[in-house]
C-alpha atoms as a PDB file:
ATOM      1  CA  UNK A   1     110.990  79.923 113.804  1.00  0.00           C
ATOM      2  CA  UNK A   2     109.572  77.126 115.771  1.00  0.00           C
ATOM      3  CA  UNK A   3     107.339  74.201 114.857  1.00  0.00           C
ATOM      4  CA  UNK A   4     104.142  76.076 115.823  1.00  0.00           C
ATOM      5  CA  UNK A   5     104.911  79.252 113.940  1.00  0.00           C
ATOM      6  CA  UNK A   6     106.101  77.371 110.815  1.00  0.00           C
ATOM      7  CA  UNK A   7     102.917  75.213 110.585  1.00  0.00           C
ATOM      8  CA  UNK A   8     100.552  77.817 112.225  1.00  0.00           C
ATOM      9  CA  UNK A   9      98.186  77.569 109.202  1.00  0.00           C
ATOM     10  CA  UNK A  10      97.812  73.774 109.829  1.00  0.00           C
ATOM     11  CA  UNK A  11      97.123  74.374 113.404  1.00  0.00           C
ATOM     12  CA  UNK A  12      94.612  77.002 112.740  1.00  0.00           C
ATOM     13  CA  UNK A  13      93.031  74.732 110.106  1.00  0.00           C
ATOM     14  CA  UNK A  14      92.812  71.912 112.716  1.00  0.00           C
ATOM     15  CA  UNK A  15      91.369  74.252 115.324  1.00  0.00           C
ATOM     16  CA  UNK A  16      88.680  75.264 112.875  1.00  0.00           C
ATOM     17  CA  UNK A  17      87.720  71.774 112.223  1.00  0.00           C
ATOM     18  CA  UNK A  18      87.735  70.989 115.957  1.00  0.00           C
ATOM     19  CA  UNK A  19      85.601  74.066 116.641  1.00  0.00           C
ATOM     20  CA  UNK A  20      83.046  73.212 113.955  1.00  0.00           C
ATOM     21  CA  UNK A  21      82.801  69.448 115.175  1.00  0.00           C
ATOM     22  CA  UNK A  22      82.562  70.225 118.860  1.00  0.00           C
ATOM     23  CA  UNK A  23      80.026  73.101 118.120  1.00  0.00           C
ATOM     24  CA  UNK A  24      77.717  70.705 116.207  1.00  0.00           C
ATOM     25  CA  UNK A  25      78.179  67.939 118.729  1.00  0.00           C
ATOM     26  CA  UNK A  26      77.932  69.849 121.927  1.00  0.00           C
ATOM     27  CA  UNK A  27      76.214  73.237 121.363  1.00  0.00           C
ATOM     28  CA  UNK A  28      75.129  73.509 124.964  1.00  0.00           C
ATOM     29  CA  UNK A  29      78.822  73.818 126.094  1.00  0.00           C
ATOM     30  CA  UNK A  30      79.431  76.719 123.666  1.00  0.00           C
ATOM     31  CA  UNK A  31      76.191  78.413 124.645  1.00  0.00           C
ATOM     32  CA  UNK A  32      77.395  78.301 128.297  1.00  0.00           C
ATOM     33  CA  UNK A  33      80.778  79.798 127.407  1.00  0.00           C
ATOM     34  CA  UNK A  34      79.057  82.391 125.301  1.00  0.00           C
ATOM     35  CA  UNK A  35      76.932  83.470 128.263  1.00  0.00           C
ATOM     36  CA  UNK A  36      79.952  84.303 130.476  1.00  0.00           C
ATOM     37  CA  UNK A  37      80.212  88.041 129.704  1.00  0.00           C
ATOM     38  CA  UNK A  38      80.314  91.518 131.216  1.00  0.00           C
ATOM     39  CA  UNK A  39      79.436  94.669 129.341  1.00  0.00           C
ATOM     40  CA  UNK A  40      79.220  92.686 125.992  1.00  0.00           C
ATOM     41  CA  UNK A  41      82.733  91.400 126.557  1.00  0.00           C
ATOM     42  CA  UNK A  42      83.106  87.527 126.798  1.00  0.00           C
ATOM     43  CA  UNK A  43      85.337  86.938 129.696  1.00  0.00           C
ATOM     44  CA  UNK A  44      86.663  83.612 128.440  1.00  0.00           C
ATOM     45  CA  UNK A  45      87.675  85.097 125.106  1.00  0.00           C
ATOM     46  CA  UNK A  46      89.088  88.182 126.786  1.00  0.00           C
ATOM     47  CA  UNK A  47      91.510  85.911 128.790  1.00  0.00           C
ATOM     48  CA  UNK A  48      92.526  84.056 125.641  1.00  0.00           C
ATOM     49  CA  UNK A  49      93.013  87.206 123.639  1.00  0.00           C
ATOM     50  CA  UNK A  50      95.231  88.574 126.544  1.00  0.00           C
ATOM     51  CA  UNK A  51      97.406  85.528 126.204  1.00  0.00           C
ATOM     52  CA  UNK A  52      97.904  86.491 122.521  1.00  0.00           C
ATOM     53  CA  UNK A  53      98.380  90.111 122.793  1.00  0.00           C
ATOM     54  CA  UNK A  54     100.446  90.537 126.111  1.00  0.00           C
ATOM     55  CA  UNK A  55     103.515  88.868 125.021  1.00  0.00           C
ATOM     56  CA  UNK A  56     103.737  91.003 121.908  1.00  0.00           C
ATOM     57  CA  UNK A  57     103.476  94.105 124.066  1.00  0.00           C
ATOM     58  CA  UNK A  58     106.340  92.799 126.209  1.00  0.00           C
ATOM     59  CA  UNK A  59     108.552  92.717 123.121  1.00  0.00           C
ATOM     60  CA  UNK A  60     108.033  96.479 122.551  1.00  0.00           C
ATOM     61  CA  UNK A  61     111.321  98.228 123.430  1.00  0.00           C
ATOM     62  CA  UNK A  62     110.509 101.996 124.121  1.00  0.00           C
ATOM     63  CA  UNK A  63     114.072 102.950 124.287  1.00  0.00           C
ATOM     64  CA  UNK A  64     114.401 102.051 120.522  1.00  0.00           C
ATOM     65  CA  UNK A  65     112.110 104.918 119.716  1.00  0.00           C
ATOM     66  CA  UNK A  66     115.100 107.171 119.950  1.00  0.00           C
ATOM     67  CA  UNK A  67     116.569 105.755 116.825  1.00  0.00           C
ATOM     68  CA  UNK A  68     113.385 106.632 114.865  1.00  0.00           C
ATOM     69  CA  UNK A  69     115.066 109.435 112.929  1.00  0.00           C
ATOM     70  CA  UNK A  70     117.968 107.334 111.586  1.00  0.00           C
ATOM     71  CA  UNK A  71     115.886 105.762 108.689  1.00  0.00           C
ATOM     72  CA  UNK A  72     112.848 107.948 108.141  1.00  0.00           C
ATOM     73  CA  UNK A  73     111.804 106.678 104.794  1.00  0.00           C
ATOM     74  CA  UNK A  74     110.930 103.062 105.947  1.00  0.00           C
ATOM     75  CA  UNK A  75     108.988 104.193 108.859  1.00  0.00           C
ATOM     76  CA  UNK A  76     107.138 106.723 106.630  1.00  0.00           C
ATOM     77  CA  UNK A  77     106.193 103.941 104.198  1.00  0.00           C
ATOM     78  CA  UNK A  78     104.804 101.809 107.064  1.00  0.00           C
ATOM     79  CA  UNK A  79     102.836 104.616 108.505  1.00  0.00           C
ATOM     80  CA  UNK A  80     101.273 105.630 105.196  1.00  0.00           C
ATOM     81  CA  UNK A  81     100.269 102.157 104.294  1.00  0.00           C
ATOM     82  CA  UNK A  82      98.918 101.362 107.718  1.00  0.00           C
ATOM     83  CA  UNK A  83      96.910 104.427 108.473  1.00  0.00           C
ATOM     84  CA  UNK A  84      96.309 106.205 105.264  1.00  0.00           C
ATOM     85  CA  UNK A  85      95.782 103.393 102.561  1.00  0.00           C
ATOM     86  CA  UNK A  86      94.997  99.950 104.153  1.00  0.00           C
ATOM     87  CA  UNK A  87      91.923 100.782 106.249  1.00  0.00           C
ATOM     88  CA  UNK A  88      90.301 102.627 103.398  1.00  0.00           C
ATOM     89  CA  UNK A  89      91.137 100.006 100.625  1.00  0.00           C
ATOM     90  CA  UNK A  90      89.699  97.301 103.052  1.00  0.00           C
ATOM     91  CA  UNK A  91      86.410  99.159 103.411  1.00  0.00           C
ATOM     92  CA  UNK A  92      86.253  99.771  99.738  1.00  0.00           C
ATOM     93  CA  UNK A  93      86.791  96.111  98.859  1.00  0.00           C
ATOM     94  CA  UNK A  94      84.344  94.994 101.581  1.00  0.00           C
ATOM     95  CA  UNK A  95      81.698  97.368 100.168  1.00  0.00           C
ATOM     96  CA  UNK A  96      82.411  96.489  96.568  1.00  0.00           C
ATOM     97  CA  UNK A  97      82.076  92.644  97.122  1.00  0.00           C
ATOM     98  CA  UNK A  98      79.434  92.419  99.787  1.00  0.00           C
ATOM     99  CA  UNK A  99      77.211  95.209  98.599  1.00  0.00           C
ATOM    100  CA  UNK A 100      77.982  94.601  94.960  1.00  0.00           C
ATOM    101  CA  UNK A 101      79.420  91.434  93.595  1.00  0.00           C
ATOM    102  CA  UNK A 102      78.221  88.953  96.251  1.00  0.00           C
ATOM    103  CA  UNK A 103      75.031  90.877  97.132  1.00  0.00           C
ATOM    104  CA  UNK A 104      72.796  88.029  95.770  1.00  0.00           C
ATOM    105  CA  UNK A 105      74.593  85.324  97.893  1.00  0.00           C
ATOM    106  CA  UNK A 106      74.622  87.162 101.204  1.00  0.00           C
ATOM    107  CA  UNK A 107      71.721  88.727 103.023  1.00  0.00           C
ATOM    108  CA  UNK A 108      72.052  92.527 103.679  1.00  0.00           C
ATOM    109  CA  UNK A 109      72.550  92.312 107.509  1.00  0.00           C
ATOM    110  CA  UNK A 110      75.132  89.475 107.254  1.00  0.00           C
ATOM    111  CA  UNK A 111      76.881  91.505 104.397  1.00  0.00           C
ATOM    112  CA  UNK A 112      77.165  94.559 106.640  1.00  0.00           C
ATOM    113  CA  UNK A 113      78.666  92.501 109.384  1.00  0.00           C
ATOM    114  CA  UNK A 114      81.205  90.993 107.086  1.00  0.00           C
ATOM    115  CA  UNK A 115      82.344  94.515 105.929  1.00  0.00           C
ATOM    116  CA  UNK A 116      82.514  95.516 109.569  1.00  0.00           C
ATOM    117  CA  UNK A 117      84.883  92.607 110.323  1.00  0.00           C
ATOM    118  CA  UNK A 118      87.007  93.556 107.272  1.00  0.00           C
ATOM    119  CA  UNK A 119      87.252  97.063 108.298  1.00  0.00           C
ATOM    120  CA  UNK A 120      88.462  96.129 111.834  1.00  0.00           C
ATOM    121  CA  UNK A 121      91.051  93.911 110.191  1.00  0.00           C
ATOM    122  CA  UNK A 122      92.102  96.827 107.936  1.00  0.00           C
ATOM    123  CA  UNK A 123      92.337  99.351 110.733  1.00  0.00           C
ATOM    124  CA  UNK A 124      94.428  97.030 113.147  1.00  0.00           C
ATOM    125  CA  UNK A 125      98.083  97.121 112.165  1.00  0.00           C
ATOM    126  CA  UNK A 126     100.564  94.535 112.402  1.00  0.00           C
ATOM    127  CA  UNK A 127     100.463  91.418 114.593  1.00  0.00           C
ATOM    128  CA  UNK A 128     103.328  90.031 116.585  1.00  0.00           C
ATOM    129  CA  UNK A 129     104.072  87.515 113.663  1.00  0.00           C
ATOM    130  CA  UNK A 130     105.797  90.445 111.916  1.00  0.00           C
ATOM    131  CA  UNK A 131     108.948  89.639 113.958  1.00  0.00           C
ATOM    132  CA  UNK A 132     108.896  86.303 112.475  1.00  0.00           C
ATOM    133  CA  UNK A 133     108.393  87.580 108.933  1.00  0.00           C
ATOM    134  CA  UNK A 134     111.246  90.116 109.409  1.00  0.00           C
ATOM    135  CA  UNK A 135     113.509  87.369 110.620  1.00  0.00           C
ATOM    136  CA  UNK A 136     112.614  85.128 107.660  1.00  0.00           C
ATOM    137  CA  UNK A 137     113.616  88.094 105.283  1.00  0.00           C
ATOM    138  CA  UNK A 138     116.808  88.780 107.114  1.00  0.00           C
ATOM    139  CA  UNK A 139     115.325  92.190 108.161  1.00  0.00           C
ATOM    140  CA  UNK A 140     116.830  94.676 110.444  1.00  0.00           C
ATOM    141  CA  UNK A 141     115.471  93.503 113.870  1.00  0.00           C
ATOM    142  CA  UNK A 142     115.958  96.782 115.732  1.00  0.00           C
ATOM    143  CA  UNK A 143     114.329  98.744 113.016  1.00  0.00           C
ATOM    144  CA  UNK A 144     111.353  96.300 112.911  1.00  0.00           C
ATOM    145  CA  UNK A 145     111.066  96.870 116.685  1.00  0.00           C
ATOM    146  CA  UNK A 146     110.958 100.622 116.128  1.00  0.00           C
ATOM    147  CA  UNK A 147     108.310 100.406 113.423  1.00  0.00           C
ATOM    148  CA  UNK A 148     106.025  98.018 115.414  1.00  0.00           C
ATOM    149  CA  UNK A 149     106.512 100.194 118.505  1.00  0.00           C
ATOM    150  CA  UNK A 150     105.463 103.407 116.768  1.00  0.00           C
ATOM    151  CA  UNK A 151     102.478 101.770 114.993  1.00  0.00           C
ATOM    152  CA  UNK A 152     101.152 100.403 118.379  1.00  0.00           C
ATOM    153  CA  UNK A 153     101.494 103.770 120.031  1.00  0.00           C
ATOM    154  CA  UNK A 154      99.552 105.313 117.083  1.00  0.00           C
ATOM    155  CA  UNK A 155      97.021 102.606 117.394  1.00  0.00           C
ATOM    156  CA  UNK A 156      96.111 103.572 120.927  1.00  0.00           C
ATOM    157  CA  UNK A 157      94.855 107.024 119.553  1.00  0.00           C
ATOM    158  CA  UNK A 158      93.865 106.291 115.966  1.00  0.00           C
ATOM    159  CA  UNK A 159      92.297 102.822 115.993  1.00  0.00           C
ATOM    160  CA  UNK A 160      88.837 103.782 117.461  1.00  0.00           C
ATOM    161  CA  UNK A 161      88.429 107.164 115.513  1.00  0.00           C
ATOM    162  CA  UNK A 162      89.240 105.481 112.131  1.00  0.00           C
ATOM    163  CA  UNK A 163      87.324 102.253 112.780  1.00  0.00           C
ATOM    164  CA  UNK A 164      84.309 104.370 113.855  1.00  0.00           C
ATOM    165  CA  UNK A 165      84.426 106.696 110.928  1.00  0.00           C
ATOM    166  CA  UNK A 166      84.655 103.741 108.411  1.00  0.00           C
ATOM    167  CA  UNK A 167      82.025 101.747 110.166  1.00  0.00           C
ATOM    168  CA  UNK A 168      79.705 104.966 110.173  1.00  0.00           C
ATOM    169  CA  UNK A 169      80.314 105.482 106.372  1.00  0.00           C
ATOM    170  CA  UNK A 170      79.148 101.883 105.841  1.00  0.00           C
ATOM    171  CA  UNK A 171      75.800 102.540 107.684  1.00  0.00           C
ATOM    172  CA  UNK A 172      76.877 100.484 110.704  1.00  0.00           C
ATOM    173  CA  UNK A 173      75.740 101.932 114.023  1.00  0.00           C
ATOM    174  CA  UNK A 174      78.953 102.490 115.951  1.00  0.00           C
ATOM    175  CA  UNK A 175      78.749 101.661 119.830  1.00  0.00           C
ATOM    176  CA  UNK A 176      81.491 104.114 120.687  1.00  0.00           C
ATOM    177  CA  UNK A 177      81.649 103.189 124.334  1.00  0.00           C
ATOM    178  CA  UNK A 178      82.301  99.515 123.585  1.00  0.00           C
ATOM    179  CA  UNK A 179      84.807 100.504 120.835  1.00  0.00           C
ATOM    180  CA  UNK A 180      86.744 102.659 123.312  1.00  0.00           C
ATOM    181  CA  UNK A 181      86.502  99.948 126.042  1.00  0.00           C
ATOM    182  CA  UNK A 182      87.904  97.440 123.585  1.00  0.00           C
ATOM    183  CA  UNK A 183      90.910  99.745 122.903  1.00  0.00           C
ATOM    184  CA  UNK A 184      91.553 100.271 126.570  1.00  0.00           C
ATOM    185  CA  UNK A 185      91.176  96.576 127.302  1.00  0.00           C
ATOM    186  CA  UNK A 186      93.030  95.051 124.420  1.00  0.00           C
ATOM    187  CA  UNK A 187      95.734  97.694 123.610  1.00  0.00           C
ATOM    188  CA  UNK A 188      96.240 100.326 126.429  1.00  0.00           C
ATOM    189  CA  UNK A 189      96.213  97.774 129.390  1.00  0.00           C
ATOM    190  CA  UNK A 190      98.317  95.130 127.697  1.00  0.00           C
ATOM    191  CA  UNK A 191     100.813  97.772 126.505  1.00  0.00           C
ATOM    192  CA  UNK A 192     101.211  99.152 129.966  1.00  0.00           C
ATOM    193  CA  UNK A 193     101.421  95.762 131.538  1.00  0.00           C
ATOM    194  CA  UNK A 194     103.986  94.779 128.870  1.00  0.00           C
ATOM    195  CA  UNK A 195     106.123  97.916 129.557  1.00  0.00           C
ATOM    196  CA  UNK A 196     106.024  97.185 133.279  1.00  0.00           C
ATOM    197  CA  UNK A 197     106.984  93.502 132.727  1.00  0.00           C
ATOM    198  CA  UNK A 198     109.816  94.474 130.434  1.00  0.00           C
ATOM    199  CA  UNK A 199     111.255  97.050 132.771  1.00  0.00           C
ATOM    200  CA  UNK A 200     111.286  94.518 135.656  1.00  0.00           C
ATOM    201  CA  UNK A 201     112.966  91.749 133.586  1.00  0.00           C
ATOM    202  CA  UNK A 202     115.287  93.546 131.295  1.00  0.00           C
ATOM    203  CA  UNK A 203     118.257  94.759 133.086  1.00  0.00           C
ATOM    204  CA  UNK A 204     120.811  96.633 131.089  1.00  0.00           C
ATOM    205  CA  UNK A 205     122.906  94.439 128.752  1.00  0.00           C
ATOM    206  CA  UNK A 206     121.489  91.408 130.414  1.00  0.00           C
ATOM    207  CA  UNK A 207     118.427  90.296 128.392  1.00  0.00           C
ATOM    208  CA  UNK A 208     118.440  86.654 129.526  1.00  0.00           C
ATOM    209  CA  UNK A 209     115.524  86.901 132.030  1.00  0.00           C
ATOM    210  CA  UNK A 210     113.362  88.754 129.304  1.00  0.00           C
ATOM    211  CA  UNK A 211     114.121  86.250 126.592  1.00  0.00           C
ATOM    212  CA  UNK A 212     113.439  83.400 128.900  1.00  0.00           C
ATOM    213  CA  UNK A 213     110.119  84.873 129.826  1.00  0.00           C
ATOM    214  CA  UNK A 214     109.236  85.461 126.229  1.00  0.00           C
ATOM    215  CA  UNK A 215     110.189  81.896 125.375  1.00  0.00           C
ATOM    216  CA  UNK A 216     107.887  80.662 128.199  1.00  0.00           C
ATOM    217  CA  UNK A 217     105.025  82.923 127.075  1.00  0.00           C
ATOM    218  CA  UNK A 218     105.158  82.051 123.275  1.00  0.00           C
ATOM    219  CA  UNK A 219     103.449  78.614 123.493  1.00  0.00           C
ATOM    220  CA  UNK A 220     100.689  80.238 125.682  1.00  0.00           C
ATOM    221  CA  UNK A 221     100.278  82.897 123.135  1.00  0.00           C
ATOM    222  CA  UNK A 222      99.647  80.322 120.350  1.00  0.00           C
ATOM    223  CA  UNK A 223      97.427  78.303 122.728  1.00  0.00           C
ATOM    224  CA  UNK A 224      95.420  81.494 123.259  1.00  0.00           C
ATOM    225  CA  UNK A 225      95.043  81.958 119.449  1.00  0.00           C
ATOM    226  CA  UNK A 226      94.072  78.323 118.662  1.00  0.00           C
ATOM    227  CA  UNK A 227      91.637  78.136 121.667  1.00  0.00           C
ATOM    228  CA  UNK A 228      89.997  81.373 120.464  1.00  0.00           C
ATOM    229  CA  UNK A 229      89.692  79.954 116.996  1.00  0.00           C
ATOM    230  CA  UNK A 230      88.143  76.735 118.359  1.00  0.00           C
ATOM    231  CA  UNK A 231      85.499  78.790 120.288  1.00  0.00           C
ATOM    232  CA  UNK A 232      84.698  81.136 117.451  1.00  0.00           C
ATOM    233  CA  UNK A 233      84.122  78.471 114.973  1.00  0.00           C
ATOM    234  CA  UNK A 234      82.212  76.461 117.658  1.00  0.00           C
ATOM    235  CA  UNK A 235      79.979  79.260 118.107  1.00  0.00           C
ATOM    236  CA  UNK A 236      79.680  79.740 114.245  1.00  0.00           C
ATOM    237  CA  UNK A 237      79.333  75.982 113.531  1.00  0.00           C
ATOM    238  CA  UNK A 238      75.699  75.974 112.549  1.00  0.00           C
ATOM    239  CA  UNK A 239      76.108  78.886 110.211  1.00  0.00           C
ATOM    240  CA  UNK A 240      79.194  77.437 108.678  1.00  0.00           C
ATOM    241  CA  UNK A 241      77.684  74.065 108.037  1.00  0.00           C
ATOM    242  CA  UNK A 242      74.657  75.702 106.543  1.00  0.00           C
ATOM    243  CA  UNK A 243      76.723  78.142 104.477  1.00  0.00           C
ATOM    244  CA  UNK A 244      80.299  76.857 103.810  1.00  0.00           C
ATOM    245  CA  UNK A 245      80.583  79.306 100.981  1.00  0.00           C
ATOM    246  CA  UNK A 246      80.757  82.142 103.599  1.00  0.00           C
ATOM    247  CA  UNK A 247      84.344  81.361 104.290  1.00  0.00           C
ATOM    248  CA  UNK A 248      85.196  81.425 100.650  1.00  0.00           C
ATOM    249  CA  UNK A 249      83.297  84.669  99.995  1.00  0.00           C
ATOM    250  CA  UNK A 250      85.155  86.385 102.894  1.00  0.00           C
ATOM    251  CA  UNK A 251      88.509  85.057 101.898  1.00  0.00           C
ATOM    252  CA  UNK A 252      88.392  86.453  98.326  1.00  0.00           C
ATOM    253  CA  UNK A 253      88.498  90.230  99.163  1.00  0.00           C
ATOM    254  CA  UNK A 254      90.826  89.588 102.046  1.00  0.00           C
ATOM    255  CA  UNK A 255      93.361  87.863  99.613  1.00  0.00           C
ATOM    256  CA  UNK A 256      92.969  90.794  97.102  1.00  0.00           C
ATOM    257  CA  UNK A 257      93.554  93.340  99.847  1.00  0.00           C
ATOM    258  CA  UNK A 258      96.604  91.614 101.263  1.00  0.00           C
ATOM    259  CA  UNK A 259      98.510  90.943  98.021  1.00  0.00           C
ATOM    260  CA  UNK A 260      97.429  94.358  96.777  1.00  0.00           C
ATOM    261  CA  UNK A 261      98.696  96.331  99.729  1.00  0.00           C
ATOM    262  CA  UNK A 262     102.053  94.391  99.537  1.00  0.00           C
ATOM    263  CA  UNK A 263     102.493  95.163  95.902  1.00  0.00           C
ATOM    264  CA  UNK A 264     101.852  98.941  96.528  1.00  0.00           C
ATOM    265  CA  UNK A 265     104.200  98.962  99.475  1.00  0.00           C
ATOM    266  CA  UNK A 266     106.898  96.973  97.683  1.00  0.00           C
ATOM    267  CA  UNK A 267     106.731  99.184  94.665  1.00  0.00           C
ATOM    268  CA  UNK A 268     106.972 102.457  96.795  1.00  0.00           C
ATOM    269  CA  UNK A 269     109.945 100.781  98.799  1.00  0.00           C
ATOM    270  CA  UNK A 270     111.789 100.148  95.506  1.00  0.00           C
ATOM    271  CA  UNK A 271     111.123 103.804  94.236  1.00  0.00           C
ATOM    272  CA  UNK A 272     112.493 105.021  97.603  1.00  0.00           C
ATOM    273  CA  UNK A 273     115.571 102.935  97.122  1.00  0.00           C
ATOM    274  CA  UNK A 274     115.324 101.315 100.580  1.00  0.00           C
ATOM    275  CA  UNK A 275     117.765  98.627 101.594  1.00  0.00           C
ATOM    276  CA  UNK A 276     116.152  95.208 101.476  1.00  0.00           C
ATOM    277  CA  UNK A 277     116.593  94.599 105.247  1.00  0.00           C
ATOM    278  CA  UNK A 278     114.476  97.779 105.873  1.00  0.00           C
ATOM    279  CA  UNK A 279     112.052  97.398 102.749  1.00  0.00           C
ATOM    280  CA  UNK A 280     111.045  93.726 103.395  1.00  0.00           C
ATOM    281  CA  UNK A 281     110.025  94.131 106.996  1.00  0.00           C
ATOM    282  CA  UNK A 282     108.345  97.562 106.368  1.00  0.00           C
ATOM    283  CA  UNK A 283     106.264  95.975 103.656  1.00  0.00           C
ATOM    284  CA  UNK A 284     105.434  92.960 105.903  1.00  0.00           C
ATOM    285  CA  UNK A 285     104.356  95.414 108.722  1.00  0.00           C
ATOM    286  CA  UNK A 286     102.241  97.399 106.314  1.00  0.00           C
ATOM    287  CA  UNK A 287     100.601  94.249 104.845  1.00  0.00           C
ATOM    288  CA  UNK A 288     100.107  92.258 108.081  1.00  0.00           C
ATOM    289  CA  UNK A 289      96.814  92.742 110.294  1.00  0.00           C
ATOM    290  CA  UNK A 290      96.690  92.658 114.080  1.00  0.00           C
ATOM    291  CA  UNK A 291      94.053  89.963 113.837  1.00  0.00           C
ATOM    292  CA  UNK A 292      94.095  89.299 117.658  1.00  0.00           C
ATOM    293  CA  UNK A 293      92.862  92.853 118.214  1.00  0.00           C
ATOM    294  CA  UNK A 294      90.299  92.711 115.228  1.00  0.00           C
ATOM    295  CA  UNK A 295      88.824  89.445 116.528  1.00  0.00           C
ATOM    296  CA  UNK A 296      88.551  91.002 120.157  1.00  0.00           C
ATOM    297  CA  UNK A 297      86.896  94.155 118.976  1.00  0.00           C
ATOM    298  CA  UNK A 298      84.561  92.288 116.394  1.00  0.00           C
ATOM    299  CA  UNK A 299      83.260  90.135 119.373  1.00  0.00           C
ATOM    300  CA  UNK A 300      82.845  93.126 121.681  1.00  0.00           C
ATOM    301  CA  UNK A 301      81.048  95.263 119.211  1.00  0.00           C
ATOM    302  CA  UNK A 302      78.949  92.742 117.413  1.00  0.00           C
ATOM    303  CA  UNK A 303      79.021  89.462 119.501  1.00  0.00           C
ATOM    304  CA  UNK A 304      80.535  86.016 119.359  1.00  0.00           C
ATOM    305  CA  UNK A 305      78.024  84.872 116.797  1.00  0.00           C
ATOM    306  CA  UNK A 306      78.298  87.649 114.358  1.00  0.00           C
ATOM    307  CA  UNK A 307      79.358  87.822 110.808  1.00  0.00           C
ATOM    308  CA  UNK A 308      81.966  90.378 111.827  1.00  0.00           C
ATOM    309  CA  UNK A 309      83.613  87.991 114.232  1.00  0.00           C
ATOM    310  CA  UNK A 310      83.557  85.265 111.500  1.00  0.00           C
ATOM    311  CA  UNK A 311      85.131  87.661 109.030  1.00  0.00           C
ATOM    312  CA  UNK A 312      88.094  88.469 111.436  1.00  0.00           C
ATOM    313  CA  UNK A 313      88.652  84.688 112.053  1.00  0.00           C
ATOM    314  CA  UNK A 314      88.907  84.044 108.310  1.00  0.00           C
ATOM    315  CA  UNK A 315      91.491  86.774 108.422  1.00  0.00           C
ATOM    316  CA  UNK A 316      93.415  84.706 110.934  1.00  0.00           C
ATOM    317  CA  UNK A 317      93.147  81.699 108.574  1.00  0.00           C
ATOM    318  CA  UNK A 318      94.564  83.580 105.417  1.00  0.00           C
ATOM    319  CA  UNK A 319      97.099  85.754 107.212  1.00  0.00           C
ATOM    320  CA  UNK A 320      99.811  83.062 107.759  1.00  0.00           C
ATOM    321  CA  UNK A 321      99.903  81.225 104.352  1.00  0.00           C
ATOM    322  CA  UNK A 322      99.699  84.589 102.393  1.00  0.00           C
ATOM    323  CA  UNK A 323     102.438  86.196 104.581  1.00  0.00           C
ATOM    324  CA  UNK A 324     104.670  83.125 104.138  1.00  0.00           C
ATOM    325  CA  UNK A 325     104.229  83.404 100.233  1.00  0.00           C
ATOM    326  CA  UNK A 326     105.160  87.156 100.609  1.00  0.00           C
ATOM    327  CA  UNK A 327     108.266  86.118 102.439  1.00  0.00           C
ATOM    328  CA  UNK A 328     109.250  83.783  99.765  1.00  0.00           C
ATOM    329  CA  UNK A 329     108.715  86.464  97.081  1.00  0.00           C
ATOM    330  CA  UNK A 330     110.551  89.038  99.050  1.00  0.00           C
ATOM    331  CA  UNK A 331     113.607  86.633  99.411  1.00  0.00           C
ATOM    332  CA  UNK A 332     113.532  85.827  95.740  1.00  0.00           C
ATOM    333  CA  UNK A 333     113.548  89.606  94.799  1.00  0.00           C
ATOM    334  CA  UNK A 334     116.390  90.672  97.155  1.00  0.00           C
ATOM    335  CA  UNK A 335     118.525  91.774  94.122  1.00  0.00           C
ATOM    336  CA  UNK A 336     115.883  94.437  93.278  1.00  0.00           C
ATOM    337  CA  UNK A 337     117.083  96.445  96.257  1.00  0.00           C
ATOM    338  CA  UNK A 338     120.167  98.235  97.295  1.00  0.00           C
END
C-alpha cells in the first residue's frame, strides 16, 4: 500500500480544510464551476469521478467469474450483506437518527437529504479500496476479484431499483431518469471502457502492460477523489461554517452502520467456518461503500450543494479510518478462523 493509500484519511482531511477555506475566500470560483452542468450533471465533477471509477473497472477480471462456484459460501455472504441487509439498515438508521433522535437539530428538508445521501451510500457496494483491505488482511486476491466483479455486475441492474425504492419509502421524490442516467454514466460506461482497456492491455500470461497502466492511473484516481472532496466542501463551505455539527451528526449513524455491518458479517463468516483469507475480504467487501458512485449519484439527483452530497462526502471521510481499524481487528482475530 503506497503513501497515498496509507494516509488517505489525512489527505481527505486536508482536502476538506482546503475546500472550506477556498469556498469561503473565493465563492465566485465555486459558483462558476457549479454552473458547468448538463442534464443536472456537473461536468467537472463527472470528469473527476470518472478518474476515480475507471481504474477500478479496469481491474475487474471477467475471466475470473468462471471460478465463482469454487467457494460459494464467501460469495453468498457478501451478496446477502451487500444487497439484502446493508441498504435497509442504512435507511433505517438514517430515518431513526434524522427523523427521530436528531430531529430537533436538523430542519426536515435537510434531514431528508441526509437520509437520501446515507441510502445512496448503503446501496452502493464496495469501493476499489477493498483490494487494499484484502491485501492488508492477506486475503485471497483472486477470490476478492471474483466477489468485486459479481457485485459490480449486480450493481448495474440492482442499484437504481433498490435506491429508488428506499428513497421512495422515505418520502423522497425519485427522479428516475436522472437515477438511471447516473447508473449508465458512472457504472455501465466505465465498466465497458474498463473491460475494453483490459482486453487491449492484458495479453495471456503477460500482465506487465496492464499493471503498468494501473500503476500510472492510481495517482490520478486519488487526485480525482481529493479534487472532488475539495469542490464538494467548497460548495458546502458556508453551510459547514454555519453548522459544523452537521458533519458530526452525519458521522454518528454512518459509524454505527459500518461497525454493525462488519460485526454481522464477521459473525456469520465464523459460523460458516470460512477460512480467514476468504472471510476477511468478504466482510470488508460487505462493509465497504462505493462512495465514488454514491457521491456522483447524490450530486446528479440532489445537486452539488445538497445535504445528500454532504452526507456522501462524510462517508468518504469516515470510510478509510474505520476500514483500517477493521483490518487491524481482522488480523488480530485470525486465530478465530480455520
